C-alpha cells in the first residue's frame, strides 16, 4: 500500500520546524504560554487562508473535523476558538514577518534555478495594486468610505519565480501612480503596468533612468508618428510605429516611444501597446504585457483570502500580522508547482477562484 502525505503537509515542509522554533525563541513568542504553541497558531492561520475560512469558528471547526489527521502536522489537538483569538491578539507579529522572509529567501533560491520564459536578459517586473478591506471597528484610522475601511497594497512582482519584490502599503485612497513615483528601479529593468499608471512625466523619468516599460496607450493620447516599421505578413501585429507624444514635445522633452497595434483573437479586438524599447520584436512586446496577468493571479490567490474575523481579532497587533500572513500564504502557490507535488497521489481540489480564472483567463489576461 502506497502512503503519501497530504498537500497541506507538503506545503508545511517548506518551513523547517527547527528554523521556525528558533524564530519563536528569538521573538519570545511563547513566553507565558500554556500549551498552545506558535506552530499550531501558524497551522490554524494557514488553514484559514488556504481553506477560504471566513471566521475563527470556521477555522477551529475545520481543524476539529480533521482531528485524526493533525498529528502528522505536529498538532496534538485542534485549538479552541478563544485560545486562537487570544493568541492572535497577544503574540508578536514579528515572528511571522521573520518566517515570511525566511520563506521568501527559500523561494528565491528555487526561482533562480528555473528556466526563464523570455530570452531577453532584462529583469521583468510587474507593478499593480489591490485594495484590502479592513474593519473600521478595529482599524479606525483606515477610513476608505463612510462605513468601510481599507488599505492599498502597491506591489512589484518579480517574474523570475513570480515572487513579490517590493511593496508599499498606503491608505485606500492613494492613487497608483503616486505610489509608483516613490519606487526606484535598476537600469535595464523591464517594467509592465496597466493604464492606471499613464503619466507621461513618469514615463520620461523611467526613460532617463534607462528603465524599459510596456503598457497600454490610452485611446485619447495625442502623438505624432515619426517612423513606420514593417510588420510580418502572417501574424497578429497590425502596426509598429515610432512616435512622440505632443505633450512632451511641447515641453522640449525628447522621448521616442513605440506604438504597437495587435489583433487579439480571444477578444476579437485590436489592442494598442506602448513601450520605450525600440529593439525587441513587436510580438514579444505583446507577450510581455500578457504576462502582466500573473500579478492579478497573485492578488486573487493571496490578499483577498485572509479571513475577516481573523483580522478583527488582531487587537493591538494592528495591521501587520494579517498582511504578513497574507503575503506568506501567497508565496506557497508558486512553489507548489514543483515536481514534489506532482508525485503525490492526492488530487488537490482547485480553489474556486482559480477555476473561475481558468475559464476566462484567455480573455481577461489582456485586459487593463
Protein backbone atom coordinates (compact mmCIF):
# COMPACT_ATOMS: atom_id res chain seq x y z
CA UNK A 1 0.00 0.00 0.00
CA UNK A 2 1.43 3.34 -1.04
CA UNK A 3 1.32 6.03 1.61
CA UNK A 4 1.54 9.71 0.77
CA UNK A 5 1.25 12.81 2.92
CA UNK A 6 -1.35 15.47 2.33
CA UNK A 7 -0.80 18.54 0.17
CA UNK A 8 -1.07 20.73 3.28
CA UNK A 9 1.67 18.70 4.96
CA UNK A 10 3.93 19.07 1.92
CA UNK A 11 3.42 22.84 1.96
CA UNK A 12 4.37 22.98 5.64
CA UNK A 13 7.58 21.09 4.85
CA UNK A 14 8.79 24.28 3.15
CA UNK A 15 9.08 25.78 6.64
CA UNK A 16 11.77 23.84 8.56
CA UNK A 17 10.47 23.15 12.05
CA UNK A 18 13.83 23.80 13.71
CA UNK A 19 14.16 27.15 11.93
CA UNK A 20 10.64 28.10 12.99
CA UNK A 21 11.31 27.17 16.63
CA UNK A 22 14.49 29.24 16.52
CA UNK A 23 12.42 32.24 15.42
CA UNK A 24 9.94 31.56 18.23
CA UNK A 25 12.79 31.70 20.74
CA UNK A 26 14.20 34.82 19.10
CA UNK A 27 10.94 36.75 19.44
CA UNK A 28 9.90 35.09 22.73
CA UNK A 29 6.56 34.31 21.15
CA UNK A 30 5.66 31.57 23.63
CA UNK A 31 6.55 33.45 26.78
CA UNK A 32 3.95 32.67 29.46
CA UNK A 33 2.22 30.30 27.01
CA UNK A 34 0.21 27.43 28.48
CA UNK A 35 0.33 24.65 25.94
CA UNK A 36 -0.80 26.42 22.77
CA UNK A 37 2.27 26.53 20.50
CA UNK A 38 3.09 29.10 17.83
CA UNK A 39 3.36 26.22 15.34
CA UNK A 40 -0.28 25.34 15.98
CA UNK A 41 -1.20 29.01 15.54
CA UNK A 42 0.62 29.11 12.19
CA UNK A 43 -1.19 25.98 11.00
CA UNK A 44 -4.54 27.45 12.05
CA UNK A 45 -3.92 30.73 10.20
CA UNK A 46 -2.71 28.95 7.06
CA UNK A 47 -5.66 26.59 7.21
CA UNK A 48 -7.99 29.57 7.36
CA UNK A 49 -6.32 31.35 4.47
CA UNK A 50 -5.78 28.43 2.11
CA UNK A 51 -9.15 26.92 3.02
CA UNK A 52 -11.12 30.16 2.43
CA UNK A 53 -12.35 30.23 6.05
CA UNK A 54 -14.49 33.25 6.86
CA UNK A 55 -14.29 33.21 10.67
CA UNK A 56 -12.37 31.84 13.64
CA UNK A 57 -15.24 29.46 14.26
CA UNK A 58 -14.82 28.05 10.76
CA UNK A 59 -11.07 27.62 11.30
CA UNK A 60 -11.38 25.79 14.61
CA UNK A 61 -14.32 23.73 13.38
CA UNK A 62 -12.49 22.71 10.24
CA UNK A 63 -9.41 21.65 12.19
CA UNK A 64 -11.56 19.74 14.67
CA UNK A 65 -13.12 17.82 11.79
CA UNK A 66 -9.59 16.76 10.74
CA UNK A 67 -8.50 15.82 14.25
CA UNK A 68 -7.27 12.40 13.23
CA UNK A 69 -5.02 13.91 10.54
CA UNK A 70 -3.43 16.66 12.60
CA UNK A 71 -0.69 14.66 14.25
CA UNK A 72 1.36 14.41 11.07
CA UNK A 73 1.30 18.23 11.02
CA UNK A 74 2.75 18.39 14.54
CA UNK A 75 -0.53 19.33 16.24
CA UNK A 76 -1.73 17.19 19.15
CA UNK A 77 -5.26 18.64 19.29
CA UNK A 78 -7.24 21.32 17.44
CA UNK A 79 -7.25 24.78 19.06
CA UNK A 80 -10.25 26.30 20.79
CA UNK A 81 -11.72 29.45 19.33
CA UNK A 82 -10.98 31.57 22.42
CA UNK A 83 -7.42 30.24 22.60
CA UNK A 84 -6.72 31.11 18.97
CA UNK A 85 -8.31 34.53 19.39
CA UNK A 86 -6.19 35.31 22.45
CA UNK A 87 -3.00 34.18 20.70
CA UNK A 88 -3.76 36.32 17.63
CA UNK A 89 -4.22 39.33 19.88
CA UNK A 90 -1.24 38.98 22.19
CA UNK A 91 1.55 37.10 20.40
CA UNK A 92 4.17 39.14 18.49
CA UNK A 93 3.52 39.60 14.80
CA UNK A 94 7.27 39.98 14.24
CA UNK A 95 7.55 36.18 14.40
CA UNK A 96 5.55 35.77 11.19
CA UNK A 97 7.44 38.56 9.49
CA UNK A 98 10.66 36.64 10.12
CA UNK A 99 9.06 33.43 8.86
CA UNK A 100 7.90 35.24 5.74
CA UNK A 101 11.40 36.49 4.89
CA UNK A 102 12.89 33.04 5.57
CA UNK A 103 10.36 31.50 3.19
CA UNK A 104 10.91 34.24 0.61
CA UNK A 105 14.66 33.58 0.65
CA UNK A 106 13.97 29.89 0.09
CA UNK A 107 11.62 30.67 -2.79
CA UNK A 108 14.12 33.00 -4.41
CA UNK A 109 16.68 30.21 -4.38
CA UNK A 110 14.18 27.92 -6.09
CA UNK A 111 13.28 30.60 -8.64
CA UNK A 112 16.92 31.18 -9.58
CA UNK A 113 17.18 27.62 -10.88
CA UNK A 114 14.04 27.82 -13.05
CA UNK A 115 14.11 28.39 -16.80
CA UNK A 116 13.12 31.90 -17.85
CA UNK A 117 10.11 32.41 -20.10
CA UNK A 118 11.69 35.13 -22.27
CA UNK A 119 15.10 35.11 -23.90
CA UNK A 120 15.96 38.75 -23.26
CA UNK A 121 18.19 39.46 -20.28
CA UNK A 122 16.16 42.27 -18.75
CA UNK A 123 14.68 41.70 -15.30
CA UNK A 124 10.89 41.54 -15.86
CA UNK A 125 8.78 43.20 -13.16
CA UNK A 126 5.05 43.94 -12.89
CA UNK A 127 3.56 46.68 -10.77
CA UNK A 128 -0.05 46.91 -9.66
CA UNK A 129 -2.16 47.50 -6.56
CA UNK A 130 -5.02 45.88 -4.70
CA UNK A 131 -7.35 47.15 -2.01
CA UNK A 132 -7.60 45.19 1.24
CA UNK A 133 -10.77 45.75 3.24
CA UNK A 134 -10.44 46.28 7.00
CA UNK A 135 -12.91 46.52 9.84
CA UNK A 136 -13.38 50.12 10.98
CA UNK A 137 -14.24 48.89 14.46
CA UNK A 138 -10.63 47.71 14.84
CA UNK A 139 -8.79 49.98 12.37
CA UNK A 140 -10.42 53.37 12.89
CA UNK A 141 -7.51 55.08 11.09
CA UNK A 142 -8.11 53.19 7.82
CA UNK A 143 -11.03 55.27 6.53
CA UNK A 144 -11.88 54.46 2.93
CA UNK A 145 -15.60 55.09 2.60
CA UNK A 146 -18.25 56.17 5.07
CA UNK A 147 -18.75 52.71 6.54
CA UNK A 148 -15.72 50.87 5.16
CA UNK A 149 -12.04 50.77 5.99
CA UNK A 150 -9.26 49.75 3.64
CA UNK A 151 -5.58 49.99 2.81
CA UNK A 152 -3.99 49.68 -0.60
CA UNK A 153 -1.11 47.33 -1.30
CA UNK A 154 1.17 48.53 -4.13
CA UNK A 155 3.21 45.51 -5.17
CA UNK A 156 6.14 44.86 -7.51
CA UNK A 157 6.18 41.26 -8.77
CA UNK A 158 9.39 39.61 -9.97
CA UNK A 159 8.53 37.22 -12.81
CA UNK A 160 11.54 35.02 -12.02
CA UNK A 161 9.51 32.67 -9.87
CA UNK A 162 6.57 35.10 -9.57
CA UNK A 163 7.66 36.34 -6.15
CA UNK A 164 6.94 39.76 -4.62
CA UNK A 165 9.99 42.02 -4.72
CA UNK A 166 8.79 45.25 -3.14
CA UNK A 167 5.60 46.57 -1.58
CA UNK A 168 4.20 49.86 -0.32
CA UNK A 169 1.16 49.98 1.97
CA UNK A 170 -0.84 53.19 1.78
CA UNK A 171 -4.33 54.35 2.64
CA UNK A 172 -7.08 53.07 0.39
CA UNK A 173 -7.48 56.35 -1.48
CA UNK A 174 -3.91 56.85 -2.70
CA UNK A 175 -3.53 56.81 -6.48
CA UNK A 176 -1.44 54.07 -8.05
CA UNK A 177 0.82 56.46 -9.92
CA UNK A 178 1.61 58.41 -6.75
CA UNK A 179 2.94 55.27 -5.07
CA UNK A 180 4.83 54.24 -8.21
CA UNK A 181 6.76 57.51 -8.25
CA UNK A 182 8.18 56.64 -4.83
CA UNK A 183 9.81 53.49 -6.21
CA UNK A 184 13.14 53.19 -7.98
CA UNK A 185 14.23 50.51 -10.44
CA UNK A 186 17.64 49.34 -11.61
CA UNK A 187 18.77 50.32 -15.12
CA UNK A 188 17.85 47.69 -17.69
CA UNK A 189 14.70 46.56 -15.85
CA UNK A 190 11.63 45.76 -17.96
CA UNK A 191 8.56 47.13 -16.15
CA UNK A 192 4.98 46.28 -17.19
CA UNK A 193 1.87 48.02 -15.86
CA UNK A 194 -1.69 48.89 -16.88
CA UNK A 195 -3.26 52.19 -17.92
CA UNK A 196 -3.66 53.27 -14.29
CA UNK A 197 -0.04 54.43 -14.48
CA UNK A 198 -0.46 56.70 -17.50
CA UNK A 199 1.73 59.62 -16.52
CA UNK A 200 3.96 60.94 -19.28
CA UNK A 201 6.41 62.66 -16.90
CA UNK A 202 6.89 59.39 -15.03
CA UNK A 203 7.43 57.58 -18.32
CA UNK A 204 10.08 60.16 -19.18
CA UNK A 205 11.83 59.65 -15.82
CA UNK A 206 11.89 55.89 -16.46
CA UNK A 207 13.43 56.52 -19.87
CA UNK A 208 16.12 58.74 -18.36
CA UNK A 209 16.87 56.07 -15.74
CA UNK A 210 17.25 53.52 -18.59
CA UNK A 211 14.28 51.52 -17.34
CA UNK A 212 12.17 49.91 -20.07
CA UNK A 213 8.40 49.76 -19.73
CA UNK A 214 5.41 48.21 -21.51
CA UNK A 215 1.87 49.43 -21.05
CA UNK A 216 -1.30 50.24 -22.98
CA UNK A 217 -1.80 53.55 -24.71
CA UNK A 218 -4.98 55.45 -23.97
CA UNK A 219 -7.38 55.99 -26.83
CA UNK A 220 -7.27 59.79 -26.48
CA UNK A 221 -3.48 60.05 -26.48
CA UNK A 222 -2.08 62.75 -28.81
CA UNK A 223 1.01 61.67 -30.70
CA UNK A 224 2.85 62.04 -33.99
CA UNK A 225 4.23 59.11 -35.99
CA UNK A 226 7.93 59.51 -36.71
CA UNK A 227 8.60 56.13 -38.32
CA UNK A 228 6.52 53.23 -39.61
CA UNK A 229 8.18 49.84 -39.35
CA UNK A 230 7.41 46.79 -41.42
CA UNK A 231 5.39 44.04 -39.74
CA UNK A 232 5.24 40.32 -40.57
CA UNK A 233 2.65 39.45 -43.19
CA UNK A 234 1.44 36.47 -41.19
CA UNK A 235 0.81 37.29 -37.56
CA UNK A 236 -1.35 39.33 -35.24
CA UNK A 237 0.79 42.51 -35.31
CA UNK A 238 -1.01 45.18 -37.35
CA UNK A 239 1.21 48.25 -36.84
CA UNK A 240 4.64 49.01 -35.44
CA UNK A 241 5.37 52.73 -35.21
CA UNK A 242 7.86 55.06 -33.53
CA UNK A 243 6.03 58.05 -32.07
CA UNK A 244 6.48 61.14 -29.93
CA UNK A 245 3.84 62.46 -27.54
CA UNK A 246 2.69 66.02 -28.21
CA UNK A 247 2.64 66.87 -24.51
CA UNK A 248 6.30 66.01 -24.04
CA UNK A 249 7.34 67.52 -27.37
CA UNK A 250 5.65 70.81 -26.47
CA UNK A 251 7.84 70.97 -23.36
CA UNK A 252 11.01 70.17 -25.35
CA UNK A 253 11.29 66.78 -23.68
CA UNK A 254 12.59 64.21 -26.12
CA UNK A 255 11.21 60.72 -25.64
CA UNK A 256 10.76 58.35 -28.56
CA UNK A 257 8.21 55.63 -27.93
CA UNK A 258 6.99 52.67 -29.86
CA UNK A 259 3.30 52.19 -30.61
CA UNK A 260 2.22 48.65 -31.48
CA UNK A 261 -1.23 47.52 -32.62
CA UNK A 262 -2.06 43.85 -32.06
CA UNK A 263 -5.14 41.88 -33.01
CA UNK A 264 -6.29 39.78 -30.04
CA UNK A 265 -8.19 36.81 -31.35
CA UNK A 266 -9.66 35.85 -27.96
CA UNK A 267 -11.31 39.25 -27.52
CA UNK A 268 -11.91 39.93 -31.20
CA UNK A 269 -10.50 43.43 -30.94
CA UNK A 270 -7.38 45.48 -31.54
CA UNK A 271 -5.21 46.49 -28.59
CA UNK A 272 -2.57 49.21 -28.61
CA UNK A 273 0.63 48.93 -26.59
CA UNK A 274 3.35 51.48 -26.00
CA UNK A 275 6.95 50.93 -24.94
CA UNK A 276 10.27 52.74 -24.87
CA UNK A 277 12.12 49.61 -26.03
CA UNK A 278 12.88 50.07 -29.72
CA UNK A 279 14.67 46.76 -30.30
CA UNK A 280 12.51 43.84 -29.15
CA UNK A 281 10.09 42.24 -31.61
CA UNK A 282 6.54 43.59 -31.60
CA UNK A 283 5.14 40.15 -30.79
CA UNK A 284 7.46 39.97 -27.77
CA UNK A 285 6.16 43.31 -26.50
CA UNK A 286 2.60 41.98 -26.70
CA UNK A 287 3.61 38.78 -24.90
CA UNK A 288 5.25 40.84 -22.14
CA UNK A 289 2.03 42.72 -21.49
CA UNK A 290 0.07 39.49 -21.46
CA UNK A 291 2.46 38.23 -18.78
CA UNK A 292 1.23 41.07 -16.54
CA UNK A 293 -1.76 38.87 -15.74
CA UNK A 294 0.42 36.96 -13.27
CA UNK A 295 0.25 39.78 -10.74
CA UNK A 296 -3.55 39.69 -10.95
CA UNK A 297 -3.44 35.96 -10.18
CA UNK A 298 -1.21 36.66 -7.20
CA UNK A 299 -3.72 39.14 -5.81
CA UNK A 300 -6.63 36.76 -6.35
CA UNK A 301 -4.86 33.95 -4.53
CA UNK A 302 -3.42 35.85 -1.58
CA UNK A 303 -4.72 39.06 -0.07
CA UNK A 304 -8.45 38.54 -0.54
CA UNK A 305 -8.38 35.21 1.24
CA UNK A 306 -7.43 36.46 4.69
CA UNK A 307 -10.42 35.58 6.95
CA UNK A 308 -12.28 38.67 8.06
CA UNK A 309 -12.72 37.53 11.65
CA UNK A 310 -9.01 36.82 11.96
CA UNK A 311 -8.37 40.46 11.12
CA UNK A 312 -10.99 41.67 13.59
CA UNK A 313 -9.36 39.74 16.45
CA UNK A 314 -5.89 41.21 15.92
CA UNK A 315 -6.34 43.92 18.52
CA UNK A 316 -3.08 45.70 19.24
CA UNK A 317 -1.32 43.69 16.54
CA UNK A 318 -2.92 46.23 14.21
CA UNK A 319 -2.27 45.94 10.50
CA UNK A 320 0.95 43.98 10.36
CA UNK A 321 0.09 40.38 11.11
CA UNK A 322 -2.82 39.94 8.66
CA UNK A 323 -0.77 41.41 5.81
CA UNK A 324 2.33 39.42 6.67
CA UNK A 325 0.18 36.31 6.93
CA UNK A 326 -1.42 37.01 3.56
CA UNK A 327 1.93 37.52 1.87
CA UNK A 328 3.40 34.38 3.46
CA UNK A 329 0.50 32.33 2.18
CA UNK A 330 0.76 33.88 -1.27
CA UNK A 331 4.29 32.60 -1.83
CA UNK A 332 3.37 28.94 -1.46
CA UNK A 333 1.30 28.52 -4.65
CA UNK A 334 4.41 29.50 -6.64
CA UNK A 335 6.48 26.74 -5.06
CA UNK A 336 3.62 24.22 -5.06
CA UNK A 337 4.20 23.67 -8.79
CA UNK A 338 7.46 21.80 -8.08
CA UNK A 339 7.73 18.09 -9.05
CA UNK A 340 7.33 17.11 -5.38
CA UNK A 341 3.65 17.79 -5.57
CA UNK A 342 3.11 16.07 -8.90
CA UNK A 343 4.27 12.83 -7.30
CA UNK A 344 1.53 12.90 -4.70
CA UNK A 345 -1.44 10.59 -5.20
CA UNK A 346 -3.72 13.08 -3.50
CA UNK A 347 -5.67 15.12 -6.03
CA UNK A 348 -5.99 18.62 -4.53
CA UNK A 349 -9.23 20.50 -5.01
CA UNK A 350 -8.57 23.61 -7.05
CA UNK A 351 -9.86 26.78 -5.36
CA UNK A 352 -12.97 28.28 -6.86
CA UNK A 353 -11.11 31.45 -7.80
CA UNK A 354 -8.59 29.56 -9.91
CA UNK A 355 -11.32 27.54 -11.59
CA UNK A 356 -13.13 30.75 -12.44
CA UNK A 357 -9.96 32.39 -13.70
CA UNK A 358 -9.10 29.43 -15.92
CA UNK A 359 -12.37 29.77 -17.86
CA UNK A 360 -11.86 33.40 -18.72
CA UNK A 361 -8.12 33.91 -18.42
CA UNK A 362 -7.53 33.83 -22.16
CA UNK A 363 -9.67 36.94 -22.40
CA UNK A 364 -9.01 38.72 -19.12
CA UNK A 365 -5.23 38.46 -19.12
CA UNK A 366 -5.14 41.03 -21.94
CA UNK A 367 -7.41 43.46 -20.10
CA UNK A 368 -6.11 46.51 -18.27
